Every structure is written in C-alpha cells, then in structure tokens.
C-alpha cells in the first residue's frame, strides 16, 4: 500500500485573530509574510480537496487553539 502524502497549509494568525492561509512559503513571502510567523498545519484530505476557504480557516483556527492549549499544560 502506498503511503499517502500529508496535506498541509501554512498559516499565520494575526494579532486580531484573523487567519491567513498560504499554499507554500515562497507564496507567503511574496505576499509579505514573515517566514518565522508561519505555522505548518495538517489538513484532512477531504477538507483539502473539497473544503471551502472558510472551512480551512476554521480548521486552522481550531488547530492553532489546540497548540496553545498544549503549551499551557506543559
């Protein structure tokens, strides 16, 4: 069985909580993003293939919140 490629997006969370999505680091840099602020998040295949931008942003926000929660407990 062939190993499935992981679907990921780069995200940046602004101070106001807004989520910006990027397909890759070069594209993010072209749009003025600081690479140090980018976080790579996994995206479930079905969401990556057929999700809306809003659904992707919501998934990213939830994922980032779960990371924040882990930092608070360690």
Protein backbone atom coordinates (compact mmCIF):
# COMPACT_ATOMS: atom_id res chain seq x y z
CA UNK A 1 0.00 0.00 0.00
CA UNK A 2 1.33 3.41 -0.99
CA UNK A 3 1.88 5.93 1.81
CA UNK A 4 -0.46 8.90 1.49
CA UNK A 5 1.12 12.31 1.14
CA UNK A 6 0.33 14.63 4.03
CA UNK A 7 -1.77 17.62 3.01
CA UNK A 8 -0.61 20.78 4.73
CA UNK A 9 -1.06 24.53 4.59
CA UNK A 10 1.00 27.32 6.07
CA UNK A 11 -0.97 29.68 8.27
CA UNK A 12 -0.37 32.96 10.03
CA UNK A 13 -2.55 34.21 12.85
CA UNK A 14 -2.72 37.99 13.14
CA UNK A 15 -2.92 39.78 16.49
CA UNK A 16 -6.64 40.34 15.89
CA UNK A 17 -7.11 36.56 15.49
CA UNK A 18 -7.54 36.58 11.71
CA UNK A 19 -6.13 33.52 9.94
CA UNK A 20 -4.26 33.86 6.64
CA UNK A 21 -3.65 30.71 4.59
CA UNK A 22 -0.70 30.10 2.27
CA UNK A 23 -0.06 27.20 -0.09
CA UNK A 24 3.72 27.42 0.32
CA UNK A 25 6.45 29.52 1.89
CA UNK A 26 7.53 31.24 -1.34
CA UNK A 27 3.98 32.43 -1.97
CA UNK A 28 3.71 33.66 1.62
CA UNK A 29 6.96 35.61 1.36
CA UNK A 30 5.83 37.19 -1.94
CA UNK A 31 2.79 38.48 -0.05
CA UNK A 32 4.85 39.99 2.75
CA UNK A 33 4.60 37.24 5.38
CA UNK A 34 7.48 36.72 7.79
CA UNK A 35 8.52 33.04 7.49
CA UNK A 36 9.15 32.96 11.25
CA UNK A 37 5.42 33.62 11.83
CA UNK A 38 4.22 30.75 9.64
CA UNK A 39 2.93 27.51 11.11
CA UNK A 40 2.51 24.35 9.04
CA UNK A 41 -0.72 22.56 9.86
CA UNK A 42 -2.04 19.21 8.64
CA UNK A 43 -5.27 19.30 6.66
CA UNK A 44 -7.52 16.22 6.39
CA UNK A 45 -7.57 15.02 2.77
CA UNK A 46 -11.31 15.51 2.27
CA UNK A 47 -11.16 19.07 3.60
CA UNK A 48 -8.07 19.82 1.48
CA UNK A 49 -9.77 18.51 -1.67
CA UNK A 50 -13.29 19.89 -1.32
CA UNK A 51 -13.41 22.28 1.64
CA UNK A 52 -14.17 25.97 1.32
CA UNK A 53 -11.67 28.65 2.30
CA UNK A 54 -13.82 29.40 5.35
CA UNK A 55 -13.76 25.73 6.41
CA UNK A 56 -9.97 25.68 6.00
CA UNK A 57 -9.65 28.83 8.14
CA UNK A 58 -11.90 27.33 10.83
CA UNK A 59 -9.85 24.13 10.83
CA UNK A 60 -6.64 26.17 11.09
CA UNK A 61 -8.02 28.25 13.97
CA UNK A 62 -9.09 25.12 15.87
CA UNK A 63 -5.70 23.51 15.27
CA UNK A 64 -3.84 26.61 16.49
CA UNK A 65 -6.05 26.78 19.59
CA UNK A 66 -5.20 23.14 20.35
CA UNK A 67 -1.48 24.02 20.11
CA UNK A 68 -1.99 26.94 22.50
CA UNK A 69 -3.76 24.59 24.90
CA UNK A 70 -0.84 22.16 24.80
CA UNK A 71 1.64 24.95 25.57
CA UNK A 72 -0.41 25.96 28.60
CA UNK A 73 -0.28 22.47 30.08
CA UNK A 74 3.41 21.78 29.63
